[in-house]
N, C-alpha and C. Protein backbone atom coordinates (compact mmCIF):
# COMPACT_ATOMS: atom_id res chain seq x y z
N MET A 1 14.24 -53.27 -15.68
CA MET A 1 14.26 -51.84 -15.85
C MET A 1 13.67 -51.19 -14.60
N ALA A 2 14.33 -50.16 -14.12
CA ALA A 2 13.89 -49.46 -12.91
C ALA A 2 12.66 -48.62 -13.20
N ASP A 3 11.85 -48.43 -12.17
CA ASP A 3 10.68 -47.56 -12.33
C ASP A 3 11.13 -46.13 -12.57
N VAL A 4 10.48 -45.46 -13.50
CA VAL A 4 10.79 -44.07 -13.81
C VAL A 4 9.98 -43.18 -12.86
N ILE A 5 10.67 -42.26 -12.23
CA ILE A 5 9.99 -41.30 -11.34
C ILE A 5 9.49 -40.17 -12.22
N LYS A 6 8.19 -39.98 -12.20
CA LYS A 6 7.58 -38.97 -13.05
C LYS A 6 7.25 -37.68 -12.30
N GLU A 7 7.11 -37.78 -10.99
CA GLU A 7 6.68 -36.61 -10.25
C GLU A 7 7.07 -36.77 -8.79
N ILE A 8 7.45 -35.64 -8.17
CA ILE A 8 7.65 -35.59 -6.73
C ILE A 8 6.99 -34.33 -6.21
N ILE A 9 6.60 -34.36 -4.98
CA ILE A 9 6.05 -33.17 -4.33
C ILE A 9 7.00 -32.82 -3.22
N THR A 10 7.49 -31.60 -3.24
CA THR A 10 8.45 -31.16 -2.24
C THR A 10 8.23 -29.69 -1.93
N PRO A 11 8.41 -29.28 -0.68
CA PRO A 11 8.28 -27.84 -0.38
C PRO A 11 9.43 -27.07 -1.01
N THR A 12 9.13 -25.88 -1.45
CA THR A 12 10.13 -25.02 -2.07
C THR A 12 10.10 -23.66 -1.41
N ARG A 13 11.26 -23.09 -1.24
CA ARG A 13 11.35 -21.76 -0.65
C ARG A 13 12.28 -20.92 -1.51
N LEU A 14 11.84 -19.73 -1.84
CA LEU A 14 12.66 -18.80 -2.61
C LEU A 14 12.93 -17.57 -1.78
N GLU A 15 14.15 -17.13 -1.77
CA GLU A 15 14.50 -15.89 -1.08
C GLU A 15 15.00 -14.90 -2.11
N TYR A 16 14.56 -13.67 -1.97
CA TYR A 16 14.95 -12.62 -2.89
C TYR A 16 15.64 -11.50 -2.13
N THR A 17 16.64 -10.93 -2.74
CA THR A 17 17.24 -9.71 -2.25
C THR A 17 16.91 -8.65 -3.29
N MET A 18 16.15 -7.67 -2.86
CA MET A 18 15.75 -6.62 -3.78
C MET A 18 16.44 -5.32 -3.38
N TYR A 19 16.86 -4.58 -4.36
CA TYR A 19 17.51 -3.31 -4.10
C TYR A 19 16.62 -2.18 -4.58
N ALA A 20 16.42 -1.21 -3.72
CA ALA A 20 15.59 -0.06 -4.07
C ALA A 20 16.36 0.84 -5.03
N GLY A 21 15.66 1.30 -6.06
CA GLY A 21 16.24 2.27 -6.97
C GLY A 21 16.18 3.66 -6.36
N THR A 22 16.57 4.64 -7.11
CA THR A 22 16.62 6.02 -6.61
C THR A 22 15.27 6.50 -6.10
N ALA A 23 14.21 6.29 -6.89
CA ALA A 23 12.87 6.76 -6.49
C ALA A 23 12.40 6.03 -5.24
N GLN A 24 12.62 4.72 -5.20
CA GLN A 24 12.18 3.94 -4.04
C GLN A 24 12.95 4.32 -2.79
N LYS A 25 14.22 4.60 -2.92
CA LYS A 25 15.01 5.00 -1.74
C LYS A 25 14.46 6.28 -1.13
N ARG A 26 14.14 7.26 -1.97
CA ARG A 26 13.58 8.51 -1.45
C ARG A 26 12.23 8.26 -0.79
N PHE A 27 11.41 7.40 -1.41
CA PHE A 27 10.11 7.05 -0.85
C PHE A 27 10.28 6.41 0.53
N LEU A 28 11.18 5.44 0.64
CA LEU A 28 11.38 4.73 1.91
C LEU A 28 11.97 5.64 2.97
N ARG A 29 12.88 6.51 2.60
CA ARG A 29 13.42 7.47 3.57
C ARG A 29 12.34 8.47 4.00
N GLY A 30 11.45 8.80 3.06
CA GLY A 30 10.32 9.66 3.40
C GLY A 30 9.43 9.02 4.45
N LEU A 31 9.12 7.73 4.27
CA LEU A 31 8.32 7.02 5.27
C LEU A 31 8.99 7.06 6.63
N GLN A 32 10.30 6.86 6.65
CA GLN A 32 11.03 6.89 7.91
C GLN A 32 10.91 8.24 8.59
N SER A 33 10.80 9.30 7.80
CA SER A 33 10.69 10.64 8.38
C SER A 33 9.23 11.09 8.53
N GLY A 34 8.28 10.20 8.26
CA GLY A 34 6.87 10.53 8.46
C GLY A 34 6.21 11.24 7.29
N ARG A 35 6.80 11.09 6.09
CA ARG A 35 6.22 11.71 4.90
C ARG A 35 5.97 10.63 3.85
N ILE A 36 4.93 10.83 3.06
CA ILE A 36 4.64 9.89 1.97
C ILE A 36 4.96 10.61 0.66
N LEU A 37 6.01 10.16 0.00
CA LEU A 37 6.49 10.80 -1.22
C LEU A 37 6.08 9.99 -2.45
N ALA A 38 5.64 10.69 -3.47
CA ALA A 38 5.24 10.08 -4.73
C ALA A 38 5.97 10.81 -5.85
N GLN A 39 5.70 10.42 -7.09
CA GLN A 39 6.26 11.13 -8.24
C GLN A 39 5.17 11.37 -9.26
N ARG A 40 5.26 12.54 -9.93
CA ARG A 40 4.28 12.93 -10.94
C ARG A 40 4.87 12.71 -12.33
N CYS A 41 4.04 12.15 -13.22
CA CYS A 41 4.45 11.96 -14.61
C CYS A 41 4.41 13.31 -15.33
N PRO A 42 5.47 13.64 -16.08
CA PRO A 42 5.48 14.92 -16.78
C PRO A 42 4.53 14.96 -17.98
N GLN A 43 4.04 13.80 -18.43
CA GLN A 43 3.13 13.80 -19.58
C GLN A 43 1.66 13.71 -19.17
N CYS A 44 1.31 12.71 -18.38
CA CYS A 44 -0.11 12.52 -18.03
C CYS A 44 -0.47 13.16 -16.70
N SER A 45 0.51 13.61 -15.95
CA SER A 45 0.35 14.29 -14.65
C SER A 45 -0.15 13.39 -13.52
N LYS A 46 -0.21 12.07 -13.75
CA LYS A 46 -0.63 11.17 -12.67
C LYS A 46 0.46 11.11 -11.61
N VAL A 47 0.01 11.00 -10.36
CA VAL A 47 0.92 10.91 -9.22
C VAL A 47 0.96 9.46 -8.76
N TYR A 48 2.14 8.87 -8.83
CA TYR A 48 2.32 7.45 -8.53
C TYR A 48 2.95 7.23 -7.16
N ILE A 49 2.36 6.30 -6.42
CA ILE A 49 2.87 5.91 -5.11
C ILE A 49 2.76 4.41 -4.98
N PRO A 50 3.77 3.69 -4.57
CA PRO A 50 5.13 4.20 -4.42
C PRO A 50 5.74 4.49 -5.78
N PRO A 51 6.62 5.46 -5.84
CA PRO A 51 7.23 5.82 -7.12
C PRO A 51 8.19 4.75 -7.61
N ARG A 52 8.25 4.58 -8.91
CA ARG A 52 9.15 3.60 -9.52
C ARG A 52 10.20 4.26 -10.41
N GLY A 53 10.08 5.57 -10.60
CA GLY A 53 11.06 6.27 -11.42
C GLY A 53 10.62 6.46 -12.85
N SER A 54 9.48 5.84 -13.22
CA SER A 54 8.94 6.04 -14.56
C SER A 54 7.44 5.84 -14.53
N CYS A 55 6.78 6.40 -15.52
CA CYS A 55 5.32 6.26 -15.63
C CYS A 55 5.02 4.97 -16.39
N PRO A 56 4.24 4.07 -15.81
CA PRO A 56 3.94 2.82 -16.51
C PRO A 56 3.03 3.02 -17.72
N THR A 57 2.33 4.13 -17.79
CA THR A 57 1.43 4.40 -18.92
C THR A 57 2.17 5.10 -20.05
N CYS A 58 2.93 6.13 -19.72
CA CYS A 58 3.60 6.95 -20.74
C CYS A 58 5.02 6.49 -21.06
N ALA A 59 5.58 5.65 -20.21
CA ALA A 59 6.95 5.13 -20.39
C ALA A 59 7.98 6.25 -20.44
N VAL A 60 7.82 7.24 -19.56
CA VAL A 60 8.79 8.33 -19.44
C VAL A 60 9.26 8.41 -17.99
N ALA A 61 10.43 8.96 -17.81
CA ALA A 61 10.98 9.13 -16.46
C ALA A 61 10.12 10.09 -15.65
N THR A 62 9.97 9.77 -14.37
CA THR A 62 9.26 10.65 -13.44
C THR A 62 10.28 11.18 -12.45
N ARG A 63 10.46 12.49 -12.44
CA ARG A 63 11.46 13.08 -11.55
C ARG A 63 10.86 14.06 -10.55
N GLU A 64 9.66 14.57 -10.85
CA GLU A 64 9.03 15.52 -9.95
C GLU A 64 8.49 14.79 -8.72
N GLU A 65 9.05 15.13 -7.57
CA GLU A 65 8.62 14.50 -6.33
C GLU A 65 7.46 15.30 -5.74
N VAL A 66 6.47 14.56 -5.23
CA VAL A 66 5.27 15.15 -4.67
C VAL A 66 5.00 14.51 -3.33
N GLN A 67 4.74 15.30 -2.31
CA GLN A 67 4.32 14.74 -1.03
C GLN A 67 2.81 14.63 -1.04
N VAL A 68 2.31 13.43 -0.75
CA VAL A 68 0.86 13.24 -0.68
C VAL A 68 0.46 13.13 0.79
N ALA A 69 -0.82 13.28 1.03
CA ALA A 69 -1.33 13.25 2.40
C ALA A 69 -1.26 11.83 2.98
N ASP A 70 -1.27 11.75 4.29
CA ASP A 70 -1.33 10.43 4.94
C ASP A 70 -2.78 10.07 5.26
N ALA A 71 -3.70 10.71 4.56
CA ALA A 71 -5.13 10.41 4.69
C ALA A 71 -5.68 10.17 3.30
N GLY A 72 -6.74 9.38 3.24
CA GLY A 72 -7.31 9.08 1.94
C GLY A 72 -8.65 8.36 2.06
N THR A 73 -9.04 7.75 0.95
CA THR A 73 -10.34 7.11 0.83
C THR A 73 -10.18 5.63 0.50
N VAL A 74 -10.90 4.79 1.22
CA VAL A 74 -10.92 3.35 0.91
C VAL A 74 -11.66 3.18 -0.41
N THR A 75 -10.98 2.58 -1.39
CA THR A 75 -11.63 2.33 -2.69
C THR A 75 -12.18 0.91 -2.75
N THR A 76 -11.39 -0.06 -2.36
CA THR A 76 -11.82 -1.45 -2.27
C THR A 76 -11.17 -2.06 -1.04
N PHE A 77 -11.68 -3.21 -0.60
CA PHE A 77 -11.10 -3.83 0.58
C PHE A 77 -11.44 -5.31 0.62
N CYS A 78 -10.73 -6.00 1.49
CA CYS A 78 -10.93 -7.44 1.69
C CYS A 78 -10.91 -7.71 3.19
N ILE A 79 -11.90 -8.46 3.67
CA ILE A 79 -11.90 -8.88 5.07
C ILE A 79 -11.25 -10.25 5.13
N VAL A 80 -10.16 -10.36 5.87
CA VAL A 80 -9.45 -11.62 6.05
C VAL A 80 -10.00 -12.28 7.30
N ASP A 81 -10.58 -13.45 7.13
CA ASP A 81 -11.22 -14.13 8.25
C ASP A 81 -10.79 -15.60 8.34
N LEU A 82 -9.68 -15.94 7.71
CA LEU A 82 -9.16 -17.30 7.77
C LEU A 82 -7.79 -17.29 8.42
N PRO A 83 -7.59 -18.13 9.43
CA PRO A 83 -6.26 -18.19 10.05
C PRO A 83 -5.25 -18.80 9.08
N PHE A 84 -4.00 -18.40 9.21
CA PHE A 84 -2.94 -18.96 8.36
C PHE A 84 -1.63 -18.94 9.12
N TYR A 85 -0.71 -19.74 8.66
CA TYR A 85 0.60 -19.86 9.30
C TYR A 85 1.34 -18.52 9.25
N GLY A 86 1.90 -18.11 10.38
CA GLY A 86 2.67 -16.87 10.45
C GLY A 86 1.81 -15.63 10.61
N GLN A 87 0.54 -15.81 10.84
CA GLN A 87 -0.38 -14.68 10.97
C GLN A 87 0.06 -13.76 12.11
N ALA A 88 0.11 -12.46 11.82
CA ALA A 88 0.58 -11.49 12.82
C ALA A 88 -0.55 -10.61 13.36
N VAL A 89 -1.70 -10.62 12.70
CA VAL A 89 -2.81 -9.76 13.07
C VAL A 89 -4.01 -10.64 13.41
N GLU A 90 -4.71 -10.26 14.46
CA GLU A 90 -5.89 -11.04 14.88
C GLU A 90 -6.99 -10.92 13.83
N ILE A 91 -7.60 -12.07 13.50
CA ILE A 91 -8.69 -12.06 12.53
C ILE A 91 -10.01 -11.80 13.23
N PRO A 92 -10.98 -11.24 12.56
CA PRO A 92 -10.91 -10.74 11.19
C PRO A 92 -10.20 -9.39 11.12
N TYR A 93 -9.55 -9.14 10.00
CA TYR A 93 -8.94 -7.84 9.77
C TYR A 93 -9.15 -7.44 8.32
N VAL A 94 -8.86 -6.18 8.03
CA VAL A 94 -9.15 -5.64 6.70
C VAL A 94 -7.88 -5.13 6.04
N CYS A 95 -7.69 -5.55 4.79
CA CYS A 95 -6.68 -4.96 3.91
C CYS A 95 -7.44 -4.14 2.87
N ALA A 96 -6.96 -2.95 2.61
CA ALA A 96 -7.71 -2.07 1.72
C ALA A 96 -6.80 -1.34 0.74
N SER A 97 -7.38 -1.00 -0.39
CA SER A 97 -6.74 -0.08 -1.33
C SER A 97 -7.22 1.31 -0.92
N ILE A 98 -6.26 2.19 -0.66
CA ILE A 98 -6.57 3.53 -0.17
C ILE A 98 -6.04 4.55 -1.16
N LEU A 99 -6.92 5.38 -1.66
CA LEU A 99 -6.52 6.45 -2.55
C LEU A 99 -6.13 7.63 -1.68
N LEU A 100 -4.83 7.80 -1.47
CA LEU A 100 -4.35 8.89 -0.63
C LEU A 100 -4.64 10.23 -1.31
N ASP A 101 -4.97 11.23 -0.52
CA ASP A 101 -5.24 12.56 -1.06
C ASP A 101 -3.99 13.06 -1.79
N GLY A 102 -4.15 13.39 -3.05
CA GLY A 102 -3.04 13.88 -3.86
C GLY A 102 -2.43 12.81 -4.75
N ALA A 103 -2.83 11.54 -4.60
CA ALA A 103 -2.29 10.44 -5.41
C ALA A 103 -3.31 10.01 -6.46
N ASP A 104 -2.82 9.32 -7.49
CA ASP A 104 -3.70 8.79 -8.53
C ASP A 104 -3.73 7.27 -8.56
N ILE A 105 -2.96 6.64 -7.70
CA ILE A 105 -2.90 5.19 -7.61
C ILE A 105 -3.18 4.81 -6.16
N PRO A 106 -4.08 3.86 -5.91
CA PRO A 106 -4.34 3.45 -4.53
C PRO A 106 -3.13 2.78 -3.88
N PHE A 107 -3.05 2.90 -2.59
CA PHE A 107 -1.98 2.38 -1.75
C PHE A 107 -2.59 1.26 -0.91
N PHE A 108 -1.97 0.10 -0.85
CA PHE A 108 -2.53 -1.04 -0.15
C PHE A 108 -2.05 -1.05 1.30
N ALA A 109 -3.00 -1.16 2.25
CA ALA A 109 -2.62 -1.10 3.66
C ALA A 109 -3.67 -1.78 4.54
N LEU A 110 -3.29 -1.97 5.78
CA LEU A 110 -4.14 -2.56 6.80
C LEU A 110 -5.04 -1.48 7.40
N ILE A 111 -6.29 -1.85 7.70
CA ILE A 111 -7.23 -0.95 8.39
C ILE A 111 -7.46 -1.52 9.78
N GLN A 112 -7.35 -0.69 10.80
CA GLN A 112 -7.55 -1.10 12.19
C GLN A 112 -8.40 -0.06 12.92
N GLU A 113 -8.64 -0.32 14.20
CA GLU A 113 -9.42 0.56 15.08
C GLU A 113 -10.86 0.75 14.62
N VAL A 114 -11.38 -0.25 13.90
CA VAL A 114 -12.78 -0.26 13.47
C VAL A 114 -13.14 -1.73 13.24
N PRO A 115 -14.34 -2.15 13.64
CA PRO A 115 -14.73 -3.53 13.35
C PRO A 115 -14.69 -3.78 11.84
N ALA A 116 -14.20 -4.93 11.44
CA ALA A 116 -14.07 -5.26 10.02
C ALA A 116 -15.39 -5.07 9.27
N VAL A 117 -16.49 -5.41 9.89
CA VAL A 117 -17.80 -5.31 9.21
C VAL A 117 -18.22 -3.86 8.97
N ASP A 118 -17.56 -2.91 9.63
CA ASP A 118 -17.91 -1.49 9.45
C ASP A 118 -17.08 -0.78 8.39
N VAL A 119 -16.05 -1.46 7.85
CA VAL A 119 -15.24 -0.85 6.79
C VAL A 119 -16.08 -0.84 5.51
N ARG A 120 -15.95 0.22 4.74
CA ARG A 120 -16.75 0.35 3.53
C ARG A 120 -16.01 1.19 2.49
N MET A 121 -16.41 1.02 1.25
CA MET A 121 -15.88 1.85 0.17
C MET A 121 -16.27 3.30 0.46
N GLY A 122 -15.34 4.21 0.24
CA GLY A 122 -15.61 5.62 0.48
C GLY A 122 -15.22 6.08 1.88
N MET A 123 -14.94 5.15 2.79
CA MET A 123 -14.55 5.52 4.16
C MET A 123 -13.26 6.32 4.13
N ARG A 124 -13.23 7.40 4.89
CA ARG A 124 -12.03 8.23 5.00
C ARG A 124 -11.16 7.68 6.11
N VAL A 125 -9.87 7.52 5.82
CA VAL A 125 -8.93 6.94 6.78
C VAL A 125 -7.64 7.77 6.83
N ARG A 126 -6.89 7.59 7.92
CA ARG A 126 -5.62 8.29 8.11
C ARG A 126 -4.59 7.30 8.64
N ALA A 127 -3.34 7.51 8.27
CA ALA A 127 -2.24 6.64 8.70
C ALA A 127 -1.99 6.79 10.20
N VAL A 128 -1.67 5.66 10.81
CA VAL A 128 -1.17 5.64 12.18
C VAL A 128 0.30 5.25 12.06
N TRP A 129 1.16 6.18 12.39
CA TRP A 129 2.59 6.01 12.19
C TRP A 129 3.24 5.33 13.39
N GLU A 130 4.29 4.58 13.11
CA GLU A 130 5.14 4.05 14.16
C GLU A 130 5.79 5.25 14.85
N GLU A 131 6.15 5.08 16.11
CA GLU A 131 6.84 6.17 16.82
C GLU A 131 8.09 6.57 16.04
N ALA A 132 8.35 7.86 15.97
CA ALA A 132 9.42 8.40 15.13
C ALA A 132 10.77 7.73 15.38
N ASP A 133 11.11 7.48 16.64
CA ASP A 133 12.43 6.90 16.93
C ASP A 133 12.50 5.40 16.61
N LYS A 134 11.38 4.79 16.29
CA LYS A 134 11.36 3.37 15.96
C LYS A 134 11.15 3.11 14.46
N ARG A 135 10.90 4.16 13.69
CA ARG A 135 10.64 3.99 12.26
C ARG A 135 11.88 3.53 11.51
N GLN A 136 11.63 2.61 10.62
CA GLN A 136 12.66 2.12 9.71
C GLN A 136 12.30 2.59 8.30
N PRO A 137 13.25 2.58 7.37
CA PRO A 137 12.92 2.99 6.00
C PRO A 137 12.24 1.84 5.24
N ASN A 138 11.03 1.49 5.69
CA ASN A 138 10.25 0.44 5.02
C ASN A 138 8.77 0.66 5.33
N PHE A 139 7.93 -0.23 4.83
CA PHE A 139 6.48 -0.04 4.96
C PHE A 139 5.97 -0.16 6.39
N THR A 140 6.77 -0.69 7.30
CA THR A 140 6.32 -0.78 8.70
C THR A 140 6.31 0.58 9.39
N ALA A 141 6.81 1.62 8.73
CA ALA A 141 6.76 2.97 9.30
C ALA A 141 5.30 3.41 9.50
N ILE A 142 4.41 2.89 8.65
CA ILE A 142 2.98 3.11 8.83
C ILE A 142 2.43 1.82 9.42
N LYS A 143 1.95 1.88 10.66
CA LYS A 143 1.44 0.68 11.32
C LYS A 143 0.16 0.20 10.65
N TYR A 144 -0.74 1.14 10.38
CA TYR A 144 -2.03 0.83 9.76
C TYR A 144 -2.75 2.15 9.51
N PHE A 145 -3.94 2.06 8.95
CA PHE A 145 -4.81 3.22 8.76
C PHE A 145 -6.04 3.04 9.63
N LYS A 146 -6.61 4.14 10.08
CA LYS A 146 -7.81 4.09 10.91
C LYS A 146 -8.80 5.14 10.39
N PRO A 147 -10.09 4.97 10.69
CA PRO A 147 -11.09 5.94 10.23
C PRO A 147 -10.82 7.33 10.81
N THR A 148 -11.11 8.35 10.00
CA THR A 148 -10.91 9.73 10.45
C THR A 148 -12.15 10.28 11.15
N GLY A 149 -13.30 9.67 10.89
CA GLY A 149 -14.56 10.21 11.42
C GLY A 149 -15.22 11.19 10.47
N GLU A 150 -14.53 11.52 9.36
CA GLU A 150 -15.12 12.40 8.35
C GLU A 150 -16.24 11.66 7.63
N PRO A 151 -17.13 12.40 6.99
CA PRO A 151 -18.15 11.74 6.15
C PRO A 151 -17.47 10.95 5.02
N ASP A 152 -18.12 9.90 4.57
CA ASP A 152 -17.58 9.11 3.46
C ASP A 152 -17.43 9.98 2.21
N ALA A 153 -16.42 9.65 1.42
CA ALA A 153 -16.22 10.35 0.15
C ALA A 153 -17.29 9.91 -0.84
N ALA A 154 -17.70 10.80 -1.69
CA ALA A 154 -18.67 10.47 -2.73
C ALA A 154 -18.04 9.50 -3.72
N TYR A 155 -18.83 8.55 -4.20
CA TYR A 155 -18.36 7.54 -5.14
C TYR A 155 -17.67 8.17 -6.35
N GLU A 156 -18.19 9.27 -6.82
CA GLU A 156 -17.63 9.95 -8.00
C GLU A 156 -16.16 10.35 -7.80
N THR A 157 -15.75 10.55 -6.56
CA THR A 157 -14.38 11.00 -6.30
C THR A 157 -13.35 9.88 -6.37
N TYR A 158 -13.78 8.63 -6.34
CA TYR A 158 -12.82 7.52 -6.39
C TYR A 158 -13.20 6.42 -7.38
N LYS A 159 -14.29 6.57 -8.10
CA LYS A 159 -14.79 5.49 -8.99
C LYS A 159 -13.79 5.12 -10.09
N ASP A 160 -12.93 6.02 -10.50
CA ASP A 160 -11.95 5.72 -11.54
C ASP A 160 -10.70 5.06 -10.98
N HIS A 161 -10.70 4.76 -9.70
CA HIS A 161 -9.51 4.19 -9.05
C HIS A 161 -9.80 2.82 -8.43
N LEU A 162 -10.84 2.16 -8.91
CA LEU A 162 -11.20 0.84 -8.37
C LEU A 162 -10.39 -0.25 -9.03
């Protein structure tokens, strides 16, 4: 009787093709034109970014488009200090959840132009956009966020968005 193979270890790769819906298309085209577009829920009034076309809390369609600021407050963050395959940014660097002014959901982005150890909750940051003629309708339209130099936001203004 032949030996039964019970397990193998092999690398696996999955490729996905995702199609943007109506709300996402407007959001991505907005990024290409230098605007950050969100949608407001008609029931709870929360402003969602990126918009998905419906409110995940109320389960209703969101059709009201809202432009939010390209500046906001760091709510939480992570300092990446481990090298990895395919790394495009010099370590250490910071990824942060940023509550954009006018939004109710934090937006995840890279923080640059500040030492990683100086990033903190409450820090005010602003988007650094790709040059207008080089922008594509995707998240690379915003290169990263950098400190504005404004005083830190009070904890009370973002504590419900952690």
